Amino acid sequence: MNTIYRIKEMHEYIEQADRAIYPIDTGKDSSIHMLIVTGAGSLHLGGRHQSLNTGDVLLLSSTSASQHVIELQQGVRLLHIQFNCLVESSSGGRSGSYTYLSTIPEWIGGKGAKLKSEKQIVNVGKRLFQLREESNGCDESDSLNIQALFYEMLLLCREGLKRSIQLESADWYGQAVAYIRENYQRSVSLSKLASIVKVSPDYLSRRIKEETGSPYSDFMSKLRIRKAQELLLGKEMSVGEAALAVGFKDSHYLSRKFKQVTGYSPTAYIKKNKTIVSLEPVCTSMLLTLGSQPLMAGSDPWMKRYFQMDLARNGIHTFNEQDVESKRHLATVRSDLRIGYEDSDLLELSGRASPYIKIDWRKTDWRDQFRHIGDLVGKYHEAETWLSRFEERASEGRELIHNRIERGATFAVFSLEHADLALGYVKLLGVPFGRGAHIIYQTLGFSAPQLIEKEVLRREGWLDVPLDEIQKYAADYIVVIRDPAYTYKTHPNTNYANQHLAWRAVINQAKATFEFSFEHHHFDPVASDIQLSEIVKKLTADLSTKR
């Protein structure tokens, strides 16, 4: 039977306020809602919520839930396409006449779906919306092009669904894990948990012991103690505060259970030297700068060269983001502590997992991250000493540069990364993202134009900006961070950016442009020190020439 997909409505929403709610009602008909996200937000569905980021695509239907709520942060773009899937039902009375019924296609299903990081769909969606806006509705070629782009998007969605995350999981054990994660501080009996996930208590008990190595009651006690360890170290709570937070009645009961599980009292545990696994290159660099050796460490290529003697001499096992085998090995490594940036996954509920300290890099100044890690390994004063010396070098740099920059001058920091350039975007950097932006704005104290201050510096990390809109973010001085993996003068993506009229206008309007290609591009102490040195050296040299 023939199937036709027809666009019913399409509009783009750009959030101007700091935070807003975007409701979606899918209960009125059998339409399907496709939402393409550029920016950050969250989806609220049936009492649960999922984070949304650039490249995420939502497919929602009337059978997944009647009401959905999307919470949007400032600057988020949301392309909302409402469409129907029409399936041929039967021929009418006249020859060549057909009846079509609106339905939900099997490849989308009744639960709806979320596709992650589908930047190709974002790019096609942008072209589709632009073409539809420019079309007068009378040109047949425009209509054909619109339909062709829309079908291209649907094909990309079908391919993406092979990698999709279903909005409602059918995995009962995954549901049990999620419930434990949210409610471990409460008294959750095995029978109650079994009734929630609709399996027998005996079967659930056997599965938990298989997965964690402990009976259910012991597993819950160990989980609470591990969460207490994380609060004592990561949040610096008192023993009494941690006891209440994880569901123990008082500090005495926590202390007794704590010693049973760890062999230490809470106070002794805080003070003891700890073995650490670092999941992030930035955290690894901070540890090595302090002379503390992790058991396993996430790393970048430049770190192996810079810390070569430390890594080789101490036999530290390093891994990168693509090293899947080493990541599997992490589950077997016995350490006192793990530190990193990302949310923990289901392995965190393994009975063998050590406490995990998640550092919020978007909201925590890199210097405070360094102090925190120093405190975790008993080297807080060493971290303070390093930062004091860094501030002395920064003060010297400010004195050299500020004499050459007029009062009130503004800076904009752009990162040209080839994955973004291929889609027609550049990154406008804020302080938490590193790549020299924290040195420009924070260490050297330069100002940004008001729009950058509002949309980037007061937010968390960076802003993806279409090249067509780049002129809104012009400044007196432009800092360009090039991707060091490419020769920027010859790569086609970079040529596209360099020759773009809006980009050329921003460069031509600026009083000066400074280009960098940092191999050490993070915001850890070593990378920050190298970036400070290179930025001060280039700015003083270039500004001296222009005077």
Protein backbone atom coordinates (compact mmCIF):
# COMPACT_ATOMS: atom_id res chain seq x y z
CA MET A 1 0.00 0.00 0.00
CA ASN A 2 1.08 3.55 -0.69
CA THR A 3 2.28 5.70 2.21
CA ILE A 4 2.51 9.47 2.07
CA TYR A 5 4.12 11.79 4.61
CA ARG A 6 2.67 15.30 4.64
CA ILE A 7 3.85 18.34 6.59
CA LYS A 8 0.97 19.89 8.50
CA GLU A 9 2.71 22.74 10.34
CA MET A 10 6.27 23.93 10.76
CA HIS A 11 7.68 26.73 12.86
CA GLU A 12 10.91 27.70 14.58
CA TYR A 13 11.05 28.83 18.19
CA ILE A 14 14.02 30.76 19.63
CA GLU A 15 14.05 31.21 23.40
CA GLN A 16 14.84 34.78 24.46
CA ALA A 17 14.27 34.49 28.22
CA ASP A 18 16.70 32.84 30.63
CA ARG A 19 14.42 29.80 30.90
CA ALA A 20 10.97 28.99 29.55
CA ILE A 21 8.45 26.19 29.14
CA TYR A 22 7.40 24.94 25.69
CA PRO A 23 4.30 22.67 25.96
CA ILE A 24 3.38 20.18 23.23
CA ASP A 25 -0.10 18.67 23.01
CA THR A 26 -0.11 15.43 21.00
CA GLY A 27 -3.50 14.19 22.16
CA LYS A 28 -5.79 15.86 19.63
CA ASP A 29 -5.15 13.80 16.51
CA SER A 30 -2.85 11.22 15.01
CA SER A 31 -0.21 13.74 13.99
CA ILE A 32 3.46 13.12 14.69
CA HIS A 33 5.62 15.86 16.16
CA MET A 34 9.29 16.12 15.22
CA LEU A 35 11.35 18.51 17.34
CA ILE A 36 14.94 19.33 16.42
CA VAL A 37 17.05 20.94 19.14
CA THR A 38 19.93 23.40 18.83
CA GLY A 39 21.05 24.36 22.32
CA ALA A 40 20.25 22.87 25.74
CA GLY A 41 17.06 22.03 27.61
CA SER A 42 15.11 19.11 29.04
CA LEU A 43 12.04 17.02 28.17
CA HIS A 44 9.48 16.27 30.89
CA LEU A 45 7.41 13.18 30.13
CA GLY A 46 5.26 11.19 32.54
CA GLY A 47 7.03 12.40 35.66
CA ARG A 48 10.50 11.73 34.21
CA HIS A 49 12.87 14.08 32.46
CA GLN A 50 15.69 13.75 29.96
CA SER A 51 18.30 16.32 29.04
CA LEU A 52 18.29 17.78 25.53
CA ASN A 53 21.32 19.05 23.63
CA THR A 54 22.26 20.25 20.16
CA GLY A 55 21.50 17.61 17.55
CA ASP A 56 18.84 15.81 19.59
CA VAL A 57 15.68 14.90 17.67
CA LEU A 58 12.38 13.98 19.33
CA LEU A 59 9.60 12.04 17.63
CA LEU A 60 6.38 12.29 19.65
CA SER A 61 2.93 10.92 18.84
CA SER A 62 -0.52 10.93 20.40
CA THR A 63 0.08 7.41 21.72
CA SER A 64 3.31 8.25 23.58
CA ALA A 65 1.58 10.75 25.92
CA SER A 66 -0.96 13.50 25.47
CA GLN A 67 1.13 16.22 27.10
CA HIS A 68 4.86 16.83 26.83
CA VAL A 69 6.75 19.75 28.31
CA ILE A 70 10.12 20.97 27.08
CA GLU A 71 12.10 23.31 29.32
CA LEU A 72 14.33 25.58 27.25
CA GLN A 73 17.39 27.58 28.21
CA GLN A 74 18.16 30.97 26.73
CA GLY A 75 19.27 30.92 23.10
CA VAL A 76 17.83 27.48 22.31
CA ARG A 77 16.42 26.95 18.82
CA LEU A 78 13.60 24.48 18.43
CA LEU A 79 12.36 23.45 14.99
CA HIS A 80 8.88 21.97 15.43
CA ILE A 81 7.46 19.98 12.49
CA GLN A 82 3.98 18.50 12.81
CA PHE A 83 3.22 15.94 10.11
CA ASN A 84 0.91 13.07 9.18
CA CYS A 85 1.59 9.60 7.89
CA LEU A 86 -1.18 8.77 5.40
CA VAL A 87 -1.69 5.13 4.39
CA GLU A 88 -3.82 4.06 1.43
CA SER A 89 -6.95 2.39 2.76
CA SER A 90 -9.09 1.46 -0.25
CA SER A 91 -10.07 2.74 -3.63
CA GLY A 92 -13.15 4.91 -3.91
CA GLY A 93 -16.09 4.45 -6.22
CA ARG A 94 -14.49 6.22 -9.11
CA SER A 95 -11.50 4.85 -10.96
CA GLY A 96 -8.24 6.34 -9.71
CA SER A 97 -9.79 7.59 -6.47
CA TYR A 98 -8.22 6.50 -3.16
CA THR A 99 -8.94 6.93 0.54
CA TYR A 100 -6.04 7.59 2.93
CA LEU A 101 -6.06 7.15 6.71
CA SER A 102 -3.77 8.98 9.11
CA THR A 103 -1.73 6.58 11.26
CA ILE A 104 1.45 6.24 13.32
CA PRO A 105 4.12 4.43 11.26
CA GLU A 106 5.63 1.28 12.76
CA TRP A 107 9.18 2.62 12.52
CA ILE A 108 8.28 5.43 14.95
CA GLY A 109 6.03 3.30 17.16
CA GLY A 110 3.73 4.32 19.97
CA LYS A 111 6.36 5.14 22.57
CA GLY A 112 8.08 7.91 20.68
CA ALA A 113 11.83 8.13 20.34
CA LYS A 114 14.81 10.34 21.06
CA LEU A 115 17.75 10.49 18.68
CA LYS A 116 20.99 11.95 20.01
CA SER A 117 23.60 14.10 18.27
CA GLU A 118 22.00 13.94 14.82
CA LYS A 119 23.66 17.09 13.47
CA GLN A 120 22.99 16.03 9.89
CA ILE A 121 19.25 16.17 10.63
CA VAL A 122 19.73 19.61 12.21
CA ASN A 123 21.44 20.81 9.04
CA VAL A 124 18.74 19.42 6.72
CA GLY A 125 16.06 20.87 8.99
CA LYS A 126 17.62 24.31 8.75
CA ARG A 127 17.60 24.12 4.95
CA LEU A 128 14.02 22.83 4.94
CA PHE A 129 12.73 25.64 7.18
CA GLN A 130 14.60 28.30 5.18
CA LEU A 131 13.22 27.01 1.87
CA ARG A 132 9.67 26.83 3.23
CA GLU A 133 9.92 30.38 4.59
CA GLU A 134 11.18 31.71 1.26
CA SER A 135 8.62 29.82 -0.82
CA ASN A 136 5.46 31.64 -1.92
CA GLY A 137 3.51 28.37 -2.10
CA CYS A 138 2.89 28.68 -5.84
CA ASP A 139 6.19 27.45 -7.27
CA GLU A 140 5.97 23.74 -8.03
CA SER A 141 9.75 23.30 -7.92
CA ASP A 142 9.82 24.76 -4.39
CA SER A 143 7.13 22.31 -3.32
CA LEU A 144 9.08 19.39 -4.76
CA ASN A 145 12.31 20.54 -3.09
CA ILE A 146 10.53 20.96 0.26
CA GLN A 147 9.04 17.47 0.00
CA ALA A 148 12.42 16.00 -1.04
CA LEU A 149 14.20 17.58 1.94
CA PHE A 150 11.45 16.41 4.29
CA TYR A 151 11.73 12.82 3.02
CA GLU A 152 15.51 13.07 3.40
CA MET A 153 14.96 14.00 7.05
CA LEU A 154 12.61 11.05 7.56
CA LEU A 155 15.17 8.66 6.07
CA LEU A 156 17.85 10.06 8.39
CA CYS A 157 15.47 9.58 11.32
CA ARG A 158 14.82 5.96 10.36
CA GLU A 159 18.55 5.30 10.19
CA GLY A 160 19.06 7.11 13.49
CA LEU A 161 16.41 5.03 15.23
CA LYS A 162 18.76 2.08 15.04
CA ARG A 163 20.88 4.03 17.54
CA SER A 164 17.98 5.69 19.33
CA ILE A 165 17.12 5.84 23.00
CA GLN A 166 13.49 4.81 23.57
CA LEU A 167 11.58 7.21 25.78
CA GLU A 168 10.04 4.32 27.70
CA SER A 169 12.36 1.40 28.39
CA ALA A 170 11.03 -2.16 28.25
CA ASP A 171 14.03 -3.39 30.29
CA TRP A 172 12.61 -4.26 33.72
CA TYR A 173 16.04 -4.47 35.35
CA GLY A 174 16.91 -1.07 33.94
CA GLN A 175 13.68 0.24 35.48
CA ALA A 176 14.65 -1.31 38.81
CA VAL A 177 18.08 0.30 38.66
CA ALA A 178 16.54 3.68 37.83
CA TYR A 179 14.12 3.38 40.76
CA ILE A 180 16.92 2.45 43.17
CA ARG A 181 19.02 5.36 41.94
CA GLU A 182 16.20 7.80 42.66
CA ASN A 183 15.01 6.26 45.94
CA TYR A 184 18.00 4.56 47.61
CA GLN A 185 17.74 6.94 50.62
CA ARG A 186 14.25 5.63 51.39
CA SER A 187 13.24 2.30 52.85
CA VAL A 188 12.52 0.32 49.68
CA SER A 189 11.72 -3.32 50.39
CA LEU A 190 12.54 -6.05 47.90
CA SER A 191 8.85 -6.94 47.55
CA LYS A 192 7.89 -3.33 46.82
CA LEU A 193 10.59 -2.99 44.16
CA ALA A 194 9.53 -6.30 42.61
CA SER A 195 5.91 -5.13 42.40
CA ILE A 196 7.00 -1.89 40.72
CA VAL A 197 8.90 -3.69 37.93
CA LYS A 198 6.36 -6.57 37.81
CA VAL A 199 8.65 -9.55 38.53
CA SER A 200 8.71 -11.96 41.46
CA PRO A 201 10.78 -10.99 44.55
CA ASP A 202 12.82 -14.21 44.29
CA TYR A 203 13.71 -13.56 40.65
CA LEU A 204 14.63 -9.94 41.39
CA SER A 205 16.76 -11.02 44.37
CA ARG A 206 18.69 -13.54 42.24
CA ARG A 207 19.27 -10.99 39.47
CA ILE A 208 20.55 -8.33 41.89
CA LYS A 209 22.98 -10.80 43.46
CA GLU A 210 24.21 -11.84 40.01
CA GLU A 211 24.80 -8.22 39.01
CA THR A 212 26.24 -6.85 42.27
CA GLY A 213 27.68 -9.85 44.11
CA SER A 214 25.59 -9.08 47.21
CA PRO A 215 22.13 -9.91 48.58
CA TYR A 216 19.62 -7.09 48.21
CA SER A 217 19.85 -5.78 51.80
CA ASP A 218 23.68 -5.77 51.76
CA PHE A 219 23.68 -4.14 48.34
CA MET A 220 21.43 -1.32 49.56
CA SER A 221 23.64 -0.74 52.63
CA LYS A 222 26.77 -0.62 50.46
CA LEU A 223 25.08 1.74 48.02
CA ARG A 224 24.10 4.12 50.81
CA ILE A 225 27.62 4.05 52.26
CA ARG A 226 29.12 4.77 48.84
CA LYS A 227 26.75 7.70 48.38
CA ALA A 228 27.74 8.92 51.86
CA GLN A 229 31.42 8.72 50.82
CA GLU A 230 30.64 10.85 47.76
CA LEU A 231 28.83 13.45 49.86
CA LEU A 232 31.58 13.61 52.49
CA LEU A 233 34.26 14.11 49.84
CA GLY A 234 32.43 15.79 46.98
CA LYS A 235 30.01 18.04 48.86
CA GLU A 236 32.05 18.33 52.09
CA MET A 237 28.98 17.53 54.20
CA SER A 238 29.21 16.78 57.90
CA VAL A 239 28.70 13.16 58.98
CA GLY A 240 25.27 14.04 60.37
CA GLU A 241 24.20 15.77 57.13
CA ALA A 242 25.42 12.85 55.03
CA ALA A 243 23.59 10.35 57.27
CA LEU A 244 20.24 12.06 56.76
CA ALA A 245 20.87 12.56 53.02
CA VAL A 246 21.40 8.84 52.36
CA GLY A 247 18.60 7.59 54.62
CA PHE A 248 20.28 6.74 57.95
CA LYS A 249 18.57 8.01 61.09
CA ASP A 250 21.66 9.67 62.63
CA SER A 251 25.45 10.03 62.45
CA HIS A 252 26.07 7.20 64.96
CA TYR A 253 24.19 4.67 62.84
CA LEU A 254 26.01 5.85 59.70
CA SER A 255 29.40 5.64 61.45
CA ARG A 256 28.72 2.05 62.54
CA LYS A 257 27.60 0.94 59.07
CA PHE A 258 30.42 2.96 57.47
CA LYS A 259 33.07 1.06 59.43
CA GLN A 260 31.43 -2.29 58.70
CA VAL A 261 31.60 -1.64 54.95
CA THR A 262 34.88 0.31 54.56
CA GLY A 263 36.91 -0.61 57.63
CA TYR A 264 37.23 3.09 58.54
CA SER A 265 35.26 5.61 60.51
CA PRO A 266 33.97 8.50 58.34
CA THR A 267 36.58 10.88 59.82
CA ALA A 268 39.46 8.46 59.26
CA TYR A 269 38.24 7.76 55.73
CA ILE A 270 38.27 11.47 54.84
CA LYS A 271 41.88 11.81 56.06
CA LYS A 272 43.35 8.61 54.56
CA ASN A 273 45.49 8.61 51.42
CA LYS A 274 43.33 7.37 48.56
CA THR A 275 43.96 5.49 45.35
CA ILE A 276 42.23 7.24 42.46
CA VAL A 277 40.99 6.49 38.96
CA SER A 278 40.66 9.64 36.83
CA LEU A 279 38.09 9.43 34.05
CA GLU A 280 38.91 12.84 32.53
CA PRO A 281 42.14 14.18 30.99
CA VAL A 282 41.72 17.50 32.83
CA CYS A 283 41.47 15.71 36.19
CA THR A 284 44.47 13.56 35.26
CA SER A 285 46.56 16.64 34.48
CA MET A 286 45.56 18.22 37.79
CA LEU A 287 46.59 15.10 39.70
CA LEU A 288 49.94 14.82 37.90
CA THR A 289 50.63 18.54 38.40
CA LEU A 290 50.25 17.90 42.14
CA GLY A 291 52.51 14.84 41.95
CA SER A 292 49.66 12.43 42.69
CA GLN A 293 49.59 9.24 40.62
CA PRO A 294 46.22 7.75 39.57
CA LEU A 295 45.83 4.00 39.05
CA MET A 296 44.15 4.57 35.67
CA ALA A 297 43.80 7.84 33.85
CA GLY A 298 41.93 9.36 30.93
CA SER A 299 44.46 11.24 28.81
CA ASP A 300 45.07 13.22 25.63
CA PRO A 301 48.07 12.72 23.30
CA TRP A 302 49.83 15.94 24.42
CA MET A 303 49.70 14.76 28.04
CA LYS A 304 51.66 11.62 27.28
CA ARG A 305 54.46 13.79 25.93
CA TYR A 306 54.31 16.39 28.69
CA PHE A 307 54.01 13.90 31.57
CA GLN A 308 55.91 11.10 29.83
CA MET A 309 58.33 10.42 32.70
CA ASP A 310 55.58 10.38 35.34
CA LEU A 311 53.34 8.09 33.32
CA ALA A 312 56.10 5.65 32.32
CA ARG A 313 57.92 5.59 35.66
CA ASN A 314 54.77 4.82 37.63
CA GLY A 315 53.20 2.46 35.10
CA ILE A 316 49.94 4.41 34.93
CA HIS A 317 47.40 2.81 32.59
CA THR A 318 46.06 5.58 30.33
CA PHE A 319 43.07 5.54 27.99
CA ASN A 320 41.16 7.92 25.72
CA GLU A 321 37.49 8.34 24.78
CA GLN A 322 37.67 5.72 22.01
CA ASP A 323 39.47 3.11 24.15
CA VAL A 324 36.49 0.82 24.76
CA GLU A 325 38.55 -2.08 26.11
CA SER A 326 40.14 0.05 28.83
CA LYS A 327 36.75 1.42 29.80
CA ARG A 328 35.54 -2.14 30.33
CA HIS A 329 38.63 -2.75 32.46
CA LEU A 330 37.60 0.17 34.70
CA ALA A 331 34.86 -1.94 36.27
CA THR A 332 37.47 -4.38 37.63
CA VAL A 333 39.94 -1.83 39.02
CA ARG A 334 39.82 -1.54 42.80
CA SER A 335 40.29 2.08 43.85
CA ASP A 336 39.23 4.25 46.77
CA LEU A 337 37.79 6.91 44.52
CA ARG A 338 36.95 7.83 40.94
CA ILE A 339 36.69 11.39 39.67
CA GLY A 340 35.29 12.75 36.41
CA TYR A 341 32.82 15.08 34.72
CA GLU A 342 30.05 12.92 33.28
CA ASP A 343 27.02 11.37 34.97
CA SER A 344 27.56 7.85 36.22
CA ASP A 345 25.95 5.02 34.24
CA LEU A 346 24.35 1.73 35.29
CA LEU A 347 27.76 0.34 36.28
CA GLU A 348 27.67 2.75 39.21
CA LEU A 349 25.18 0.41 40.86
CA SER A 350 27.60 -2.49 40.71
CA GLY A 351 28.54 -3.76 44.15
CA ARG A 352 32.19 -3.45 43.13
CA ALA A 353 32.07 0.23 42.14
CA SER A 354 34.07 2.74 44.18
CA PRO A 355 32.72 6.19 45.12
CA TYR A 356 32.47 8.58 42.20
CA ILE A 357 33.01 12.33 42.56
CA LYS A 358 31.39 14.16 39.66
CA ILE A 359 32.81 17.66 39.17
CA ASP A 360 30.47 20.11 37.45
CA TRP A 361 32.92 21.68 35.01
CA ARG A 362 30.30 24.05 33.59
CA LYS A 363 29.66 25.73 36.93
CA THR A 364 32.94 25.24 38.79
CA ASP A 365 35.88 27.53 38.08
CA TRP A 366 38.92 25.51 36.94
CA ARG A 367 40.95 26.88 39.85
CA ASP A 368 38.33 25.64 42.32
CA GLN A 369 38.37 22.25 40.57
CA PHE A 370 42.14 22.17 41.09
CA ARG A 371 41.78 23.07 44.78
CA HIS A 372 39.07 20.41 45.22
CA ILE A 373 41.21 17.68 43.67
CA GLY A 374 44.14 18.87 45.77
CA ASP A 375 41.96 18.53 48.86
CA LEU A 376 40.88 15.00 47.86
CA VAL A 377 44.51 13.82 47.67
CA GLY A 378 45.77 15.80 50.67
CA LYS A 379 47.57 18.43 48.58
CA TYR A 380 45.38 21.49 48.94
CA HIS A 381 48.32 23.73 49.93
CA GLU A 382 50.34 22.54 46.91
CA ALA A 383 47.43 23.54 44.67
CA GLU A 384 47.25 26.98 46.31
CA THR A 385 51.00 27.47 45.86
CA TRP A 386 50.77 26.60 42.14
CA LEU A 387 47.82 28.97 41.66
CA SER A 388 49.66 31.81 43.44
CA ARG A 389 52.58 31.46 41.03
CA PHE A 390 50.17 31.34 38.10
CA GLU A 391 48.53 34.58 39.29
CA GLU A 392 51.96 36.25 39.44
CA ARG A 393 52.55 35.33 35.79
CA ALA A 394 49.03 36.49 34.91
CA SER A 395 49.62 39.84 36.63
CA GLU A 396 52.78 40.37 34.58
CA GLY A 397 50.85 39.51 31.41
CA ARG A 398 48.02 41.92 32.23
CA GLU A 399 50.50 44.73 32.75
CA LEU A 400 52.18 44.07 29.40
CA ILE A 401 48.93 43.85 27.39
CA HIS A 402 46.62 46.39 29.01
CA ASN A 403 49.05 49.20 28.24
CA ARG A 404 48.48 48.41 24.55
CA ILE A 405 44.66 48.03 24.65
CA GLU A 406 42.31 51.00 24.91
CA ARG A 407 39.99 51.15 27.92
CA GLY A 408 36.60 49.50 27.32
CA ALA A 409 37.74 47.43 24.33
CA THR A 410 35.84 44.17 23.78
CA PHE A 411 36.99 40.66 22.83
CA ALA A 412 35.17 37.74 21.18
CA VAL A 413 36.64 34.22 21.18
CA PHE A 414 35.61 31.91 18.33
CA SER A 415 36.55 28.25 17.96
CA LEU A 416 36.64 26.89 14.40
CA GLU A 417 36.18 23.14 14.73
CA HIS A 418 35.76 21.16 11.55
CA ALA A 419 32.76 19.11 12.63
CA ASP A 420 30.91 22.39 13.25
CA LEU A 421 32.19 24.11 10.11
CA ALA A 422 30.87 21.26 7.98
CA LEU A 423 27.40 22.21 9.23
CA GLY A 424 27.93 25.95 8.85
CA TYR A 425 28.52 26.73 12.54
CA VAL A 426 31.30 28.16 14.68
CA LYS A 427 31.58 28.04 18.47
CA LEU A 428 31.47 31.25 20.49
CA LEU A 429 33.42 30.35 23.62
CA GLY A 430 32.73 31.13 27.25
CA VAL A 431 34.98 30.69 30.26
CA PRO A 432 34.20 27.02 31.18
CA PHE A 433 35.11 25.68 27.73
CA GLY A 434 38.85 26.39 27.92
CA ARG A 435 40.66 26.83 24.58
CA GLY A 436 42.00 30.19 25.71
CA ALA A 437 38.62 31.77 26.49
CA HIS A 438 39.15 31.46 30.24
CA ILE A 439 42.54 33.16 29.82
CA ILE A 440 41.10 36.06 27.78
CA TYR A 441 38.08 36.80 29.96
CA GLN A 442 39.05 35.54 33.40
CA THR A 443 42.83 35.57 33.76
CA LEU A 444 43.60 38.66 31.67
CA GLY A 445 40.30 40.36 32.51
CA PHE A 446 39.14 41.48 29.07
CA SER A 447 35.47 42.35 28.48
CA ALA A 448 33.01 40.95 25.94
CA PRO A 449 30.31 42.80 23.98
CA GLN A 450 26.98 42.91 25.82
CA LEU A 451 25.36 40.25 23.62
CA ILE A 452 28.22 37.81 24.23
CA GLU A 453 28.12 38.64 27.94
CA LYS A 454 24.40 37.84 28.01
CA GLU A 455 24.22 34.80 25.73
CA VAL A 456 27.57 33.13 26.45
CA LEU A 457 29.45 34.32 29.53
CA ARG A 458 26.38 34.15 31.77
CA ARG A 459 25.60 30.69 30.46
CA GLU A 460 27.58 27.49 30.70
CA GLY A 461 30.27 26.70 28.17
CA TRP A 462 29.70 27.94 24.64
CA LEU A 463 27.18 28.88 21.95
CA ASP A 464 26.97 27.31 18.48
CA VAL A 465 26.44 30.21 16.06
CA PRO A 466 25.46 29.86 12.37
CA LEU A 467 27.95 31.70 10.19
CA ASP A 468 25.04 33.65 8.69
CA GLU A 469 24.41 35.24 12.11
CA ILE A 470 28.00 35.81 13.18
CA GLN A 471 27.95 39.59 12.71
CA LYS A 472 25.72 39.98 15.78
CA TYR A 473 28.73 38.95 17.86
CA ALA A 474 31.33 41.33 16.43
CA ALA A 475 33.90 42.81 18.83
CA ASP A 476 36.85 45.21 18.82
CA TYR A 477 39.29 42.30 18.94
CA ILE A 478 38.72 38.79 17.61
CA VAL A 479 40.47 35.70 18.97
CA VAL A 480 40.27 32.68 16.66
CA ILE A 481 41.05 29.20 17.98
CA ARG A 482 41.86 26.89 15.07
CA ASP A 483 41.59 23.11 15.11
CA PRO A 484 45.21 21.89 15.42
CA ALA A 485 44.37 18.61 13.66
CA TYR A 486 44.10 20.37 10.27
CA THR A 487 46.20 22.71 8.17
CA TYR A 488 43.67 25.51 8.29
CA LYS A 489 44.80 27.28 5.13
CA THR A 490 43.97 24.32 2.89
CA HIS A 491 41.12 22.42 4.53
CA PRO A 492 37.83 22.94 2.60
CA ASN A 493 35.75 23.47 5.75
CA THR A 494 38.07 26.24 6.90
CA ASN A 495 38.12 27.78 3.43
CA TYR A 496 34.33 27.90 3.58
CA ALA A 497 34.47 29.84 6.85
CA ASN A 498 37.28 32.12 5.73
CA GLN A 499 35.42 33.08 2.56
CA HIS A 500 31.99 33.50 4.15
CA LEU A 501 30.84 37.12 3.77
CA ALA A 502 29.54 37.44 7.33
CA TRP A 503 32.78 36.05 8.76
CA ARG A 504 34.87 38.34 6.58
CA ALA A 505 32.80 41.30 7.79
CA VAL A 506 33.49 40.43 11.45
CA ILE A 507 37.22 40.12 10.77
CA ASN A 508 37.38 43.34 8.73
CA GLN A 509 35.50 45.36 11.36
CA ALA A 510 37.84 44.27 14.16
CA LYS A 511 40.86 46.33 15.12
CA ALA A 512 42.95 43.16 15.24
CA THR A 513 42.54 39.40 14.95
CA PHE A 514 44.68 36.92 16.88
CA GLU A 515 44.84 33.28 15.78
CA PHE A 516 45.92 30.33 17.91
CA SER A 517 46.08 26.58 17.45
CA PHE A 518 46.46 25.13 20.94
CA GLU A 519 47.59 21.53 21.16
CA HIS A 520 47.04 21.93 24.92
CA HIS A 521 43.45 23.18 24.65
CA HIS A 522 41.86 22.27 28.00
CA PHE A 523 41.59 24.37 31.17
CA ASP A 524 43.79 22.25 33.43
CA PRO A 525 46.78 23.97 35.11
CA VAL A 526 49.42 22.93 32.57
CA ALA A 527 47.26 23.80 29.54
CA SER A 528 46.21 27.11 31.14
CA ASP A 529 49.83 28.04 31.82
CA ILE A 530 50.84 27.28 28.22
CA GLN A 531 47.85 29.19 26.81
CA LEU A 532 48.60 32.20 29.03
CA SER A 533 52.18 32.29 27.80
CA GLU A 534 51.23 31.99 24.11
CA ILE A 535 48.41 34.55 24.32
CA VAL A 536 50.51 37.16 26.14
CA LYS A 537 53.41 36.63 23.73
CA LYS A 538 51.26 37.00 20.59
CA LEU A 539 49.13 39.92 21.78
CA THR A 540 52.11 41.97 22.95
CA ALA A 541 54.02 41.28 19.72
CA ASP A 542 51.09 42.00 17.36
CA LEU A 543 49.88 45.08 19.23
CA SER A 544 53.41 46.49 19.36
CA THR A 545 53.63 46.15 15.56
CA LYS A 546 50.31 47.95 15.03
CA ARG A 547 51.22 50.94 17.18
